[in-house]
């Protein structure tokens, strides 16, 4: 989780990623941020995030993003 929080902070500083559960809903992350985040996650965690997985439910909180990463790692 620490790696993910570091990535999120580098993409958009100043958001309470540990507690925020509305990253998409409250526009803390926009579409360009999401694209950057997906690329960083794929590099850092050695996973491929399919386009169908790029939905608000998977990116609204650091916890949901980490759950997505874990699930993708387990599927590979």
PDB file of N, CA and C in Angstrom:
ATOM      1  N   UNK A   1       0.827  -1.193   0.000  1.00  0.00           N
ATOM      2  CA  UNK A   1       0.000   0.000   0.000  1.00  0.00           C
ATOM      3  C   UNK A   1       0.866   1.250   0.000  1.00  0.00           C
ATOM      4  N   UNK A   2       2.016   1.196   0.661  1.00  0.00           N
ATOM      5  CA  UNK A   2       2.898   2.370   0.726  1.00  0.00           C
ATOM      6  C   UNK A   2       3.343   2.800  -0.676  1.00  0.00           C
ATOM      7  N   UNK A   3       3.665   1.822  -1.533  1.00  0.00           N
ATOM      8  CA  UNK A   3       4.070   2.129  -2.908  1.00  0.00           C
ATOM      9  C   UNK A   3       2.943   2.845  -3.643  1.00  0.00           C
ATOM     10  N   UNK A   4       1.718   2.355  -3.470  1.00  0.00           N
ATOM     11  CA  UNK A   4       0.565   2.955  -4.135  1.00  0.00           C
ATOM     12  C   UNK A   4       0.347   4.385  -3.649  1.00  0.00           C
ATOM     13  N   UNK A   5       0.435   4.605  -2.358  1.00  0.00           N
ATOM     14  CA  UNK A   5       0.252   5.952  -1.811  1.00  0.00           C
ATOM     15  C   UNK A   5       1.309   6.912  -2.352  1.00  0.00           C
ATOM     16  N   UNK A   6       2.524   6.424  -2.511  1.00  0.00           N
ATOM     17  CA  UNK A   6       3.597   7.249  -3.079  1.00  0.00           C
ATOM     18  C   UNK A   6       3.274   7.623  -4.526  1.00  0.00           C
ATOM     19  N   UNK A   7       2.775   6.662  -5.294  1.00  0.00           N
ATOM     20  CA  UNK A   7       2.397   6.928  -6.687  1.00  0.00           C
ATOM     21  C   UNK A   7       1.276   7.960  -6.740  1.00  0.00           C
ATOM     22  N   UNK A   8       0.252   7.756  -5.927  1.00  0.00           N
ATOM     23  CA  UNK A   8      -0.881   8.688  -5.913  1.00  0.00           C
ATOM     24  C   UNK A   8      -0.426  10.095  -5.553  1.00  0.00           C
ATOM     25  N   UNK A   9       0.420  10.204  -4.546  1.00  0.00           N
ATOM     26  CA  UNK A   9       0.910  11.513  -4.093  1.00  0.00           C
ATOM     27  C   UNK A   9       1.730  12.195  -5.184  1.00  0.00           C
ATOM     28  N   UNK A  10       2.478  11.398  -5.972  1.00  0.00           N
ATOM     29  CA  UNK A  10       3.284  11.992  -7.045  1.00  0.00           C
ATOM     30  C   UNK A  10       2.410  12.489  -8.199  1.00  0.00           C
ATOM     31  N   UNK A  11       1.273  11.841  -8.408  1.00  0.00           N
ATOM     32  CA  UNK A  11       0.376  12.234  -9.488  1.00  0.00           C
ATOM     33  C   UNK A  11      -0.442  13.463  -9.105  1.00  0.00           C
ATOM     34  N   UNK A  12      -0.983  13.455  -7.887  1.00  0.00           N
ATOM     35  CA  UNK A  12      -1.753  14.612  -7.418  1.00  0.00           C
ATOM     36  C   UNK A  12      -1.511  14.779  -5.922  1.00  0.00           C
ATOM     37  N   UNK A  13      -0.592  15.656  -5.555  1.00  0.00           N
ATOM     38  CA  UNK A  13      -0.268  15.869  -4.143  1.00  0.00           C
ATOM     39  C   UNK A  13      -1.407  16.558  -3.382  1.00  0.00           C
ATOM     40  N   UNK A  14      -1.374  16.368  -2.068  1.00  0.00           N
ATOM     41  CA  UNK A  14      -2.276  17.118  -1.212  1.00  0.00           C
ATOM     42  C   UNK A  14      -3.626  16.488  -0.934  1.00  0.00           C
ATOM     43  N   UNK A  15      -3.839  15.264  -1.373  1.00  0.00           N
ATOM     44  CA  UNK A  15      -5.104  14.570  -1.115  1.00  0.00           C
ATOM     45  C   UNK A  15      -4.856  13.550  -0.003  1.00  0.00           C
ATOM     46  N   UNK A  16      -5.817  13.394   0.891  1.00  0.00           N
ATOM     47  CA  UNK A  16      -5.709  12.413   1.972  1.00  0.00           C
ATOM     48  C   UNK A  16      -6.074  11.030   1.425  1.00  0.00           C
ATOM     49  N   UNK A  17      -5.151  10.418   0.718  1.00  0.00           N
ATOM     50  CA  UNK A  17      -5.415   9.150   0.043  1.00  0.00           C
ATOM     51  C   UNK A  17      -5.714   8.010   1.005  1.00  0.00           C
ATOM     52  N   UNK A  18      -5.197   8.088   2.217  1.00  0.00           N
ATOM     53  CA  UNK A  18      -5.431   7.005   3.171  1.00  0.00           C
ATOM     54  C   UNK A  18      -6.882   6.962   3.645  1.00  0.00           C
ATOM     55  N   UNK A  19      -7.564   8.085   3.636  1.00  0.00           N
ATOM     56  CA  UNK A  19      -8.924   8.143   4.162  1.00  0.00           C
ATOM     57  C   UNK A  19      -9.996   8.481   3.144  1.00  0.00           C
ATOM     58  N   UNK A  20      -9.621   9.022   2.006  1.00  0.00           N
ATOM     59  CA  UNK A  20     -10.601   9.448   1.004  1.00  0.00           C
ATOM     60  C   UNK A  20     -11.194   8.236   0.280  1.00  0.00           C
ATOM     61  N   UNK A  21     -12.529   8.201   0.195  1.00  0.00           N
ATOM     62  CA  UNK A  21     -13.204   7.119  -0.520  1.00  0.00           C
ATOM     63  C   UNK A  21     -14.001   7.664  -1.714  1.00  0.00           C
ATOM     64  N   UNK A  22     -13.692   8.889  -2.103  1.00  0.00           N
ATOM     65  CA  UNK A  22     -14.409   9.534  -3.209  1.00  0.00           C
ATOM     66  C   UNK A  22     -13.425  10.199  -4.182  1.00  0.00           C
ATOM     67  N   UNK A  23     -12.348   9.514  -4.492  1.00  0.00           N
ATOM     68  CA  UNK A  23     -11.320  10.093  -5.362  1.00  0.00           C
ATOM     69  C   UNK A  23     -11.868  10.456  -6.737  1.00  0.00           C
ATOM     70  N   UNK A  24     -12.731   9.629  -7.272  1.00  0.00           N
ATOM     71  CA  UNK A  24     -13.322   9.895  -8.576  1.00  0.00           C
ATOM     72  C   UNK A  24     -14.553  10.786  -8.422  1.00  0.00           C
ATOM     73  N   UNK A  25     -15.433  10.400  -7.500  1.00  0.00           N
ATOM     74  CA  UNK A  25     -16.708  11.116  -7.326  1.00  0.00           C
ATOM     75  C   UNK A  25     -16.519  12.602  -7.030  1.00  0.00           C
ATOM     76  N   UNK A  26     -15.473  12.934  -6.271  1.00  0.00           N
ATOM     77  CA  UNK A  26     -15.224  14.337  -5.930  1.00  0.00           C
ATOM     78  C   UNK A  26     -14.128  14.958  -6.800  1.00  0.00           C
ATOM     79  N   UNK A  27     -13.795  14.282  -7.880  1.00  0.00           N
ATOM     80  CA  UNK A  27     -12.863  14.794  -8.900  1.00  0.00           C
ATOM     81  C   UNK A  27     -11.454  15.084  -8.373  1.00  0.00           C
ATOM     82  N   UNK A  28     -11.026  14.328  -7.360  1.00  0.00           N
ATOM     83  CA  UNK A  28      -9.634  14.442  -6.931  1.00  0.00           C
ATOM     84  C   UNK A  28      -8.717  13.885  -8.021  1.00  0.00           C
ATOM     85  N   UNK A  29      -9.203  12.850  -8.710  1.00  0.00           N
ATOM     86  CA  UNK A  29      -8.479  12.276  -9.846  1.00  0.00           C
ATOM     87  C   UNK A  29      -9.316  12.462 -11.096  1.00  0.00           C
ATOM     88  N   UNK A  30      -8.728  13.077 -12.121  1.00  0.00           N
ATOM     89  CA  UNK A  30      -9.436  13.245 -13.384  1.00  0.00           C
ATOM     90  C   UNK A  30      -8.958  12.178 -14.372  1.00  0.00           C
ATOM     91  N   UNK A  31      -9.453  12.245 -15.590  1.00  0.00           N
ATOM     92  CA  UNK A  31      -9.132  11.199 -16.561  1.00  0.00           C
ATOM     93  C   UNK A  31      -7.637  11.115 -16.871  1.00  0.00           C
ATOM     94  N   UNK A  32      -6.971  12.241 -16.960  1.00  0.00           N
ATOM     95  CA  UNK A  32      -5.521  12.209 -17.216  1.00  0.00           C
ATOM     96  C   UNK A  32      -4.759  11.632 -16.034  1.00  0.00           C
ATOM     97  N   UNK A  33      -5.211  11.950 -14.828  1.00  0.00           N
ATOM     98  CA  UNK A  33      -4.587  11.378 -13.626  1.00  0.00           C
ATOM     99  C   UNK A  33      -4.758   9.869 -13.600  1.00  0.00           C
ATOM    100  N   UNK A  34      -5.940   9.412 -13.984  1.00  0.00           N
ATOM    101  CA  UNK A  34      -6.205   7.970 -14.008  1.00  0.00           C
ATOM    102  C   UNK A  34      -5.300   7.276 -15.012  1.00  0.00           C
ATOM    103  N   UNK A  35      -5.127   7.866 -16.188  1.00  0.00           N
ATOM    104  CA  UNK A  35      -4.237   7.267 -17.187  1.00  0.00           C
ATOM    105  C   UNK A  35      -2.804   7.179 -16.672  1.00  0.00           C
ATOM    106  N   UNK A  36      -2.342   8.239 -16.023  1.00  0.00           N
ATOM    107  CA  UNK A  36      -0.999   8.228 -15.433  1.00  0.00           C
ATOM    108  C   UNK A  36      -0.906   7.179 -14.337  1.00  0.00           C
ATOM    109  N   UNK A  37      -1.951   7.116 -13.515  1.00  0.00           N
ATOM    110  CA  UNK A  37      -1.975   6.156 -12.414  1.00  0.00           C
ATOM    111  C   UNK A  37      -1.932   4.726 -12.930  1.00  0.00           C
ATOM    112  N   UNK A  38      -2.719   4.430 -13.937  1.00  0.00           N
ATOM    113  CA  UNK A  38      -2.735   3.079 -14.515  1.00  0.00           C
ATOM    114  C   UNK A  38      -1.341   2.703 -15.028  1.00  0.00           C
ATOM    115  N   UNK A  39      -0.702   3.611 -15.744  1.00  0.00           N
ATOM    116  CA  UNK A  39       0.645   3.335 -16.269  1.00  0.00           C
ATOM    117  C   UNK A  39       1.637   3.085 -15.138  1.00  0.00           C
ATOM    118  N   UNK A  40       1.589   3.917 -14.103  1.00  0.00           N
ATOM    119  CA  UNK A  40       2.497   3.757 -12.956  1.00  0.00           C
ATOM    120  C   UNK A  40       2.246   2.436 -12.228  1.00  0.00           C
ATOM    121  N   UNK A  41       0.967   2.100 -12.029  1.00  0.00           N
ATOM    122  CA  UNK A  41       0.622   0.847 -11.343  1.00  0.00           C
ATOM    123  C   UNK A  41       1.119  -0.347 -12.148  1.00  0.00           C
ATOM    124  N   UNK A  42       0.894  -0.310 -13.456  1.00  0.00           N
ATOM    125  CA  UNK A  42       1.332  -1.427 -14.294  1.00  0.00           C
ATOM    126  C   UNK A  42       2.842  -1.608 -14.218  1.00  0.00           C
ATOM    127  N   UNK A  43       3.590  -0.529 -14.208  1.00  0.00           N
ATOM    128  CA  UNK A  43       5.050  -0.613 -14.104  1.00  0.00           C
ATOM    129  C   UNK A  43       5.493  -1.085 -12.724  1.00  0.00           C
ATOM    130  N   UNK A  44       4.934  -0.489 -11.692  1.00  0.00           N
ATOM    131  CA  UNK A  44       5.374  -0.753 -10.321  1.00  0.00           C
ATOM    132  C   UNK A  44       4.984  -2.145  -9.829  1.00  0.00           C
ATOM    133  N   UNK A  45       3.768  -2.581 -10.179  1.00  0.00           N
ATOM    134  CA  UNK A  45       3.246  -3.831  -9.629  1.00  0.00           C
ATOM    135  C   UNK A  45       3.249  -4.976 -10.638  1.00  0.00           C
ATOM    136  N   UNK A  46       3.764  -4.723 -11.844  1.00  0.00           N
ATOM    137  CA  UNK A  46       3.875  -5.746 -12.882  1.00  0.00           C
ATOM    138  C   UNK A  46       2.536  -6.427 -13.167  1.00  0.00           C
ATOM    139  N   UNK A  47       1.508  -5.607 -13.389  1.00  0.00           N
ATOM    140  CA  UNK A  47       0.185  -6.101 -13.755  1.00  0.00           C
ATOM    141  C   UNK A  47      -0.280  -5.348 -14.995  1.00  0.00           C
ATOM    142  N   UNK A  48      -1.279  -5.898 -15.646  1.00  0.00           N
ATOM    143  CA  UNK A  48      -1.941  -5.218 -16.759  1.00  0.00           C
ATOM    144  C   UNK A  48      -3.367  -4.945 -16.312  1.00  0.00           C
ATOM    145  N   UNK A  49      -3.770  -3.686 -16.370  1.00  0.00           N
ATOM    146  CA  UNK A  49      -5.127  -3.329 -15.979  1.00  0.00           C
ATOM    147  C   UNK A  49      -5.969  -3.241 -17.253  1.00  0.00           C
ATOM    148  N   UNK A  50      -6.880  -4.206 -17.428  1.00  0.00           N
ATOM    149  CA  UNK A  50      -7.729  -4.181 -18.619  1.00  0.00           C
ATOM    150  C   UNK A  50      -8.639  -2.948 -18.615  1.00  0.00           C
ATOM    151  N   UNK A  51      -8.981  -2.478 -19.784  1.00  0.00           N
ATOM    152  CA  UNK A  51      -9.828  -1.295 -19.920  1.00  0.00           C
ATOM    153  C   UNK A  51     -11.141  -1.456 -19.163  1.00  0.00           C
ATOM    154  N   UNK A  52     -11.703  -2.663 -19.160  1.00  0.00           N
ATOM    155  CA  UNK A  52     -12.986  -2.885 -18.475  1.00  0.00           C
ATOM    156  C   UNK A  52     -12.882  -2.710 -16.962  1.00  0.00           C
ATOM    157  N   UNK A  53     -11.663  -2.718 -16.431  1.00  0.00           N
ATOM    158  CA  UNK A  53     -11.456  -2.537 -14.986  1.00  0.00           C
ATOM    159  C   UNK A  53     -11.288  -1.065 -14.602  1.00  0.00           C
ATOM    160  N   UNK A  54     -11.184  -0.188 -15.590  1.00  0.00           N
ATOM    161  CA  UNK A  54     -10.993   1.236 -15.307  1.00  0.00           C
ATOM    162  C   UNK A  54     -12.366   1.877 -15.135  1.00  0.00           C
ATOM    163  N   UNK A  55     -12.931   1.624 -13.943  1.00  0.00           N
ATOM    164  CA  UNK A  55     -14.256   2.131 -13.581  1.00  0.00           C
ATOM    165  C   UNK A  55     -14.148   2.815 -12.217  1.00  0.00           C
ATOM    166  N   UNK A  56     -15.049   3.744 -11.926  1.00  0.00           N
ATOM    167  CA  UNK A  56     -14.971   4.471 -10.647  1.00  0.00           C
ATOM    168  C   UNK A  56     -14.892   3.567  -9.420  1.00  0.00           C
ATOM    169  N   UNK A  57     -15.614   2.478  -9.409  1.00  0.00           N
ATOM    170  CA  UNK A  57     -15.611   1.590  -8.238  1.00  0.00           C
ATOM    171  C   UNK A  57     -14.210   1.072  -7.912  1.00  0.00           C
ATOM    172  N   UNK A  58     -13.365   0.907  -8.924  1.00  0.00           N
ATOM    173  CA  UNK A  58     -12.008   0.400  -8.705  1.00  0.00           C
ATOM    174  C   UNK A  58     -11.003   1.498  -8.364  1.00  0.00           C
ATOM    175  N   UNK A  59     -11.403   2.766  -8.505  1.00  0.00           N
ATOM    176  CA  UNK A  59     -10.449   3.864  -8.329  1.00  0.00           C
ATOM    177  C   UNK A  59     -10.929   4.952  -7.366  1.00  0.00           C
ATOM    178  N   UNK A  60     -11.992   4.693  -6.606  1.00  0.00           N
ATOM    179  CA  UNK A  60     -12.528   5.719  -5.709  1.00  0.00           C
ATOM    180  C   UNK A  60     -11.743   5.854  -4.409  1.00  0.00           C
ATOM    181  N   UNK A  61     -10.929   4.855  -4.087  1.00  0.00           N
ATOM    182  CA  UNK A  61     -10.118   4.933  -2.864  1.00  0.00           C
ATOM    183  C   UNK A  61      -8.820   4.158  -3.070  1.00  0.00           C
ATOM    184  N   UNK A  62      -7.840   4.469  -2.249  1.00  0.00           N
ATOM    185  CA  UNK A  62      -6.573   3.728  -2.320  1.00  0.00           C
ATOM    186  C   UNK A  62      -6.818   2.255  -2.021  1.00  0.00           C
ATOM    187  N   UNK A  63      -7.728   1.986  -1.102  1.00  0.00           N
ATOM    188  CA  UNK A  63      -8.039   0.598  -0.752  1.00  0.00           C
ATOM    189  C   UNK A  63      -8.634  -0.151  -1.946  1.00  0.00           C
ATOM    190  N   UNK A  64      -9.555   0.473  -2.671  1.00  0.00           N
ATOM    191  CA  UNK A  64     -10.148  -0.198  -3.830  1.00  0.00           C
ATOM    192  C   UNK A  64      -9.109  -0.392  -4.941  1.00  0.00           C
ATOM    193  N   UNK A  65      -8.205   0.553  -5.099  1.00  0.00           N
ATOM    194  CA  UNK A  65      -7.133   0.409  -6.088  1.00  0.00           C
ATOM    195  C   UNK A  65      -6.220  -0.746  -5.692  1.00  0.00           C
ATOM    196  N   UNK A  66      -5.884  -0.826  -4.414  1.00  0.00           N
ATOM    197  CA  UNK A  66      -5.013  -1.904  -3.930  1.00  0.00           C
ATOM    198  C   UNK A  66      -5.696  -3.256  -4.087  1.00  0.00           C
ATOM    199  N   UNK A  67      -7.002  -3.307  -3.837  1.00  0.00           N
ATOM    200  CA  UNK A  67      -7.757  -4.553  -4.035  1.00  0.00           C
ATOM    201  C   UNK A  67      -7.717  -4.984  -5.502  1.00  0.00           C
ATOM    202  N   UNK A  68      -7.830  -4.022  -6.416  1.00  0.00           N
ATOM    203  CA  UNK A  68      -7.739  -4.319  -7.841  1.00  0.00           C
ATOM    204  C   UNK A  68      -6.359  -4.882  -8.178  1.00  0.00           C
ATOM    205  N   UNK A  69      -5.318  -4.242  -7.684  1.00  0.00           N
ATOM    206  CA  UNK A  69      -3.948  -4.703  -7.944  1.00  0.00           C
ATOM    207  C   UNK A  69      -3.759  -6.125  -7.433  1.00  0.00           C
ATOM    208  N   UNK A  70      -4.193  -6.372  -6.211  1.00  0.00           N
ATOM    209  CA  UNK A  70      -4.047  -7.706  -5.607  1.00  0.00           C
ATOM    210  C   UNK A  70      -4.787  -8.754  -6.424  1.00  0.00           C
ATOM    211  N   UNK A  71      -6.007  -8.428  -6.827  1.00  0.00           N
ATOM    212  CA  UNK A  71      -6.799  -9.373  -7.627  1.00  0.00           C
ATOM    213  C   UNK A  71      -6.123  -9.667  -8.953  1.00  0.00           C
ATOM    214  N   UNK A  72      -5.602  -8.639  -9.604  1.00  0.00           N
ATOM    215  CA  UNK A  72      -4.930  -8.845 -10.890  1.00  0.00           C
ATOM    216  C   UNK A  72      -3.655  -9.662 -10.729  1.00  0.00           C
ATOM    217  N   UNK A  73      -2.932  -9.444  -9.638  1.00  0.00           N
ATOM    218  CA  UNK A  73      -1.714 -10.228  -9.390  1.00  0.00           C
ATOM    219  C   UNK A  73      -2.058 -11.695  -9.158  1.00  0.00           C
ATOM    220  N   UNK A  74      -3.149 -11.941  -8.461  1.00  0.00           N
ATOM    221  CA  UNK A  74      -3.558 -13.323  -8.186  1.00  0.00           C
ATOM    222  C   UNK A  74      -4.033 -14.037  -9.445  1.00  0.00           C
ATOM    223  N   UNK A  75      -4.630 -13.290 -10.366  1.00  0.00           N
ATOM    224  CA  UNK A  75      -5.139 -13.886 -11.612  1.00  0.00           C
ATOM    225  C   UNK A  75      -4.018 -14.252 -12.577  1.00  0.00           C
ATOM    226  N   UNK A  76      -2.865 -13.623 -12.455  1.00  0.00           N
ATOM    227  CA  UNK A  76      -1.765 -13.890 -13.400  1.00  0.00           C
ATOM    228  C   UNK A  76      -0.999 -15.125 -13.078  1.00  0.00           C
TER     229      UNK A  76
END
